[in-house]
Amino acid sequence: MSRPKPNIVIEQIDPKTYFSLQILEADAIYAVLYKGRPINIRTLNRLVSLPGPKYKKCSFSNKGHAVNLAKRLNAQFKTIDFTVSEMVPKKNGKT
């Protein structure tokens, strides 16, 4: 089954490279929570301070990615405290 055609909210085309940046409408945003609280994820090397911490995504416009991350984190930390929350815009267009 193919993906449905996205609704483009705004678009910009680079006149030199002809690359297009499109902002697409999403039905919802899915965030990974720990014990019901929003989280950030970062990785860093404890032996040296360079190149510095890297931050990973923990909110997605695709539910499957958020669910997979929560499952991986629950397995890695041997817990069931990582869950997924869905944020849906209100009907009148305001969040």
N, C-alpha and C. Protein backbone atom coordinates (compact mmCIF):
# COMPACT_ATOMS: atom_id res chain seq x y z
N MET A 1 0.85 -1.18 0.00
CA MET A 1 0.00 0.00 0.00
C MET A 1 0.89 1.23 0.00
N SER A 2 0.61 2.15 -0.89
CA SER A 2 1.45 3.35 -0.98
C SER A 2 0.98 4.39 0.04
N ARG A 3 1.87 5.32 0.30
CA ARG A 3 1.54 6.40 1.23
C ARG A 3 0.56 7.35 0.57
N PRO A 4 -0.31 7.96 1.37
CA PRO A 4 -1.19 8.98 0.79
C PRO A 4 -0.39 10.23 0.42
N LYS A 5 -0.87 10.95 -0.56
CA LYS A 5 -0.18 12.16 -1.00
C LYS A 5 -0.20 13.19 0.12
N PRO A 6 0.96 13.77 0.48
CA PRO A 6 0.99 14.73 1.59
C PRO A 6 0.42 16.09 1.19
N ASN A 7 -0.09 16.80 2.18
CA ASN A 7 -0.54 18.18 1.97
C ASN A 7 0.64 19.11 2.23
N ILE A 8 1.03 19.87 1.22
CA ILE A 8 2.15 20.79 1.34
C ILE A 8 1.63 22.11 1.90
N VAL A 9 2.20 22.53 3.05
CA VAL A 9 1.78 23.77 3.71
C VAL A 9 2.50 24.96 3.08
N ILE A 10 3.81 24.80 2.87
CA ILE A 10 4.63 25.85 2.28
C ILE A 10 5.83 25.20 1.61
N GLU A 11 6.34 25.82 0.55
CA GLU A 11 7.45 25.24 -0.20
C GLU A 11 8.42 26.34 -0.61
N GLN A 12 9.72 26.00 -0.61
CA GLN A 12 10.74 26.92 -1.07
C GLN A 12 11.71 26.14 -1.97
N ILE A 13 12.04 26.71 -3.13
CA ILE A 13 12.95 26.08 -4.07
C ILE A 13 14.22 26.91 -4.16
N ASP A 14 15.38 26.26 -3.96
CA ASP A 14 16.67 26.94 -4.07
C ASP A 14 16.94 27.21 -5.55
N PRO A 15 17.11 28.47 -5.97
CA PRO A 15 17.28 28.78 -7.39
C PRO A 15 18.60 28.27 -7.97
N LYS A 16 19.60 27.98 -7.13
CA LYS A 16 20.88 27.51 -7.64
C LYS A 16 20.90 25.99 -7.82
N THR A 17 20.36 25.26 -6.85
CA THR A 17 20.42 23.80 -6.89
C THR A 17 19.09 23.15 -7.28
N TYR A 18 18.03 23.93 -7.27
CA TYR A 18 16.68 23.45 -7.56
C TYR A 18 16.18 22.42 -6.56
N PHE A 19 16.81 22.36 -5.38
CA PHE A 19 16.30 21.52 -4.31
C PHE A 19 15.10 22.20 -3.69
N SER A 20 14.11 21.42 -3.37
CA SER A 20 12.87 21.94 -2.82
C SER A 20 12.77 21.55 -1.34
N LEU A 21 12.44 22.52 -0.50
CA LEU A 21 12.17 22.27 0.91
C LEU A 21 10.67 22.43 1.09
N GLN A 22 10.01 21.33 1.47
CA GLN A 22 8.57 21.35 1.64
C GLN A 22 8.21 21.11 3.10
N ILE A 23 7.33 21.94 3.61
CA ILE A 23 6.78 21.76 4.95
C ILE A 23 5.44 21.06 4.76
N LEU A 24 5.31 19.87 5.35
CA LEU A 24 4.13 19.05 5.14
C LEU A 24 3.24 19.02 6.37
N GLU A 25 1.95 18.89 6.13
CA GLU A 25 0.98 18.77 7.20
C GLU A 25 1.07 17.38 7.80
N ALA A 26 1.02 17.27 9.11
CA ALA A 26 1.05 15.98 9.79
C ALA A 26 -0.25 15.80 10.58
N ASP A 27 -0.72 14.56 10.65
CA ASP A 27 -1.93 14.28 11.41
C ASP A 27 -1.70 14.42 12.91
N ALA A 28 -0.49 14.04 13.35
CA ALA A 28 -0.17 14.07 14.78
C ALA A 28 1.34 14.00 14.94
N ILE A 29 1.79 14.26 16.16
CA ILE A 29 3.19 14.08 16.55
C ILE A 29 3.20 13.05 17.68
N TYR A 30 4.12 12.12 17.60
CA TYR A 30 4.24 11.06 18.60
C TYR A 30 5.54 11.25 19.36
N ALA A 31 5.45 11.35 20.67
CA ALA A 31 6.62 11.58 21.51
C ALA A 31 6.83 10.39 22.44
N VAL A 32 8.10 10.08 22.68
CA VAL A 32 8.45 9.03 23.63
C VAL A 32 8.55 9.67 25.01
N LEU A 33 7.90 9.06 25.98
CA LEU A 33 7.88 9.56 27.35
C LEU A 33 8.54 8.54 28.27
N TYR A 34 9.09 9.02 29.39
CA TYR A 34 9.60 8.15 30.44
C TYR A 34 8.82 8.45 31.71
N LYS A 35 8.10 7.46 32.19
CA LYS A 35 7.22 7.62 33.35
C LYS A 35 6.27 8.79 33.16
N GLY A 36 5.76 8.93 31.93
CA GLY A 36 4.77 9.96 31.63
C GLY A 36 5.34 11.35 31.40
N ARG A 37 6.66 11.49 31.41
CA ARG A 37 7.29 12.80 31.24
C ARG A 37 8.06 12.85 29.92
N PRO A 38 8.02 13.98 29.20
CA PRO A 38 8.78 14.09 27.96
C PRO A 38 10.28 13.96 28.22
N ILE A 39 11.00 13.44 27.24
CA ILE A 39 12.44 13.22 27.41
C ILE A 39 13.22 13.79 26.24
N ASN A 40 14.51 13.95 26.44
CA ASN A 40 15.50 14.17 25.40
C ASN A 40 16.49 13.02 25.51
N ILE A 41 17.15 12.69 24.42
CA ILE A 41 18.14 11.62 24.42
C ILE A 41 19.44 12.18 23.87
N ARG A 42 20.53 11.94 24.59
CA ARG A 42 21.83 12.36 24.07
C ARG A 42 22.85 11.25 24.29
N THR A 43 23.82 11.21 23.41
CA THR A 43 24.93 10.26 23.53
C THR A 43 26.21 11.07 23.60
N LEU A 44 27.19 10.55 24.38
CA LEU A 44 28.48 11.22 24.46
C LEU A 44 29.54 10.21 24.82
N ASN A 45 30.76 10.54 24.49
CA ASN A 45 31.90 9.68 24.79
C ASN A 45 32.43 10.06 26.16
N ARG A 46 32.47 9.11 27.08
CA ARG A 46 32.93 9.39 28.45
C ARG A 46 34.45 9.44 28.56
N LEU A 47 35.18 9.00 27.53
CA LEU A 47 36.64 9.02 27.60
C LEU A 47 37.22 10.36 27.16
N VAL A 48 36.64 10.98 26.14
CA VAL A 48 37.11 12.28 25.64
C VAL A 48 35.92 13.21 25.50
N SER A 49 36.16 14.51 25.59
CA SER A 49 35.06 15.47 25.54
C SER A 49 34.71 15.89 24.12
N LEU A 50 35.48 15.43 23.14
CA LEU A 50 35.20 15.79 21.76
C LEU A 50 34.56 14.62 21.05
N PRO A 51 33.69 14.74 20.16
CA PRO A 51 33.18 15.96 19.55
C PRO A 51 32.05 16.61 20.34
N GLY A 52 31.73 16.11 21.50
CA GLY A 52 30.64 16.67 22.29
C GLY A 52 29.40 15.79 22.19
N PRO A 53 28.38 16.09 22.98
CA PRO A 53 27.18 15.24 22.97
C PRO A 53 26.39 15.38 21.67
N LYS A 54 25.74 14.29 21.30
CA LYS A 54 24.85 14.27 20.14
C LYS A 54 23.44 14.00 20.67
N TYR A 55 22.49 14.79 20.20
CA TYR A 55 21.11 14.63 20.62
C TYR A 55 20.34 13.85 19.56
N LYS A 56 19.54 12.88 20.02
CA LYS A 56 18.78 12.04 19.11
C LYS A 56 17.31 12.42 19.16
N LYS A 57 16.60 12.09 18.08
CA LYS A 57 15.17 12.38 18.01
C LYS A 57 14.39 11.51 18.98
N CYS A 58 13.38 12.10 19.61
CA CYS A 58 12.49 11.31 20.44
C CYS A 58 11.03 11.73 20.21
N SER A 59 10.79 12.52 19.15
CA SER A 59 9.42 12.82 18.72
C SER A 59 9.38 12.67 17.20
N PHE A 60 8.27 12.12 16.71
CA PHE A 60 8.18 11.74 15.31
C PHE A 60 6.80 12.03 14.76
N SER A 61 6.69 12.21 13.45
CA SER A 61 5.37 12.36 12.82
C SER A 61 4.83 11.01 12.38
N ASN A 62 5.59 9.95 12.58
CA ASN A 62 5.17 8.59 12.25
C ASN A 62 5.12 7.78 13.55
N LYS A 63 3.97 7.20 13.84
CA LYS A 63 3.79 6.47 15.10
C LYS A 63 4.73 5.29 15.22
N GLY A 64 4.98 4.59 14.12
CA GLY A 64 5.82 3.40 14.14
C GLY A 64 7.22 3.68 14.65
N HIS A 65 7.80 4.81 14.25
CA HIS A 65 9.15 5.15 14.70
C HIS A 65 9.19 5.36 16.21
N ALA A 66 8.18 6.05 16.74
CA ALA A 66 8.12 6.31 18.18
C ALA A 66 7.93 5.01 18.96
N VAL A 67 7.06 4.13 18.48
CA VAL A 67 6.81 2.86 19.16
C VAL A 67 8.08 2.01 19.16
N ASN A 68 8.79 1.96 18.03
CA ASN A 68 10.02 1.17 17.96
C ASN A 68 11.08 1.71 18.91
N LEU A 69 11.21 3.04 19.00
CA LEU A 69 12.18 3.63 19.93
C LEU A 69 11.82 3.28 21.37
N ALA A 70 10.54 3.40 21.74
CA ALA A 70 10.12 3.07 23.10
C ALA A 70 10.41 1.60 23.42
N LYS A 71 10.17 0.71 22.46
CA LYS A 71 10.46 -0.71 22.67
C LYS A 71 11.96 -0.94 22.88
N ARG A 72 12.78 -0.30 22.05
CA ARG A 72 14.24 -0.45 22.18
C ARG A 72 14.73 0.07 23.53
N LEU A 73 14.23 1.23 23.96
CA LEU A 73 14.65 1.80 25.24
C LEU A 73 14.18 0.92 26.41
N ASN A 74 12.96 0.40 26.32
CA ASN A 74 12.47 -0.50 27.38
C ASN A 74 13.34 -1.74 27.48
N ALA A 75 13.75 -2.30 26.34
CA ALA A 75 14.61 -3.48 26.36
C ALA A 75 16.00 -3.14 26.88
N GLN A 76 16.54 -2.01 26.45
CA GLN A 76 17.89 -1.62 26.86
C GLN A 76 17.98 -1.35 28.36
N PHE A 77 16.98 -0.70 28.92
CA PHE A 77 16.99 -0.35 30.33
C PHE A 77 16.20 -1.33 31.20
N LYS A 78 15.70 -2.42 30.59
CA LYS A 78 14.96 -3.47 31.30
C LYS A 78 13.83 -2.89 32.15
N THR A 79 12.93 -2.16 31.48
CA THR A 79 11.82 -1.50 32.14
C THR A 79 10.61 -1.50 31.21
N ILE A 80 9.49 -1.00 31.69
CA ILE A 80 8.31 -0.78 30.84
C ILE A 80 7.86 0.68 30.96
N ASP A 81 8.75 1.54 31.44
CA ASP A 81 8.40 2.93 31.73
C ASP A 81 8.43 3.85 30.51
N PHE A 82 8.99 3.40 29.38
CA PHE A 82 8.99 4.22 28.17
C PHE A 82 7.70 3.96 27.41
N THR A 83 6.94 5.01 27.13
CA THR A 83 5.67 4.92 26.43
C THR A 83 5.62 5.95 25.31
N VAL A 84 4.57 5.90 24.52
CA VAL A 84 4.39 6.84 23.41
C VAL A 84 3.13 7.64 23.65
N SER A 85 3.22 8.94 23.44
CA SER A 85 2.07 9.83 23.58
C SER A 85 1.78 10.48 22.23
N GLU A 86 0.52 10.61 21.91
CA GLU A 86 0.10 11.21 20.65
C GLU A 86 -0.40 12.63 20.90
N MET A 87 0.14 13.58 20.16
CA MET A 87 -0.32 14.97 20.24
C MET A 87 -1.05 15.28 18.93
N VAL A 88 -2.34 15.60 19.03
CA VAL A 88 -3.17 15.86 17.86
C VAL A 88 -3.64 17.30 17.92
N PRO A 89 -3.60 18.03 16.79
CA PRO A 89 -4.08 19.41 16.80
C PRO A 89 -5.60 19.46 17.05
N LYS A 90 -6.03 20.54 17.67
CA LYS A 90 -7.45 20.72 17.91
C LYS A 90 -8.17 20.93 16.58
N LYS A 91 -9.47 20.69 16.59
CA LYS A 91 -10.28 20.76 15.37
C LYS A 91 -10.25 22.14 14.70
N ASN A 92 -10.18 23.22 15.52
CA ASN A 92 -10.21 24.57 14.94
C ASN A 92 -8.87 25.03 14.40
N GLY A 93 -7.87 24.13 14.39
CA GLY A 93 -6.57 24.47 13.83
C GLY A 93 -5.57 25.00 14.82
N LYS A 94 -6.00 25.26 16.06
CA LYS A 94 -5.09 25.75 17.08
C LYS A 94 -4.63 24.59 17.94
N THR A 95 -3.34 24.63 18.37
CA THR A 95 -2.82 23.54 19.20
C THR A 95 -2.83 23.92 20.65
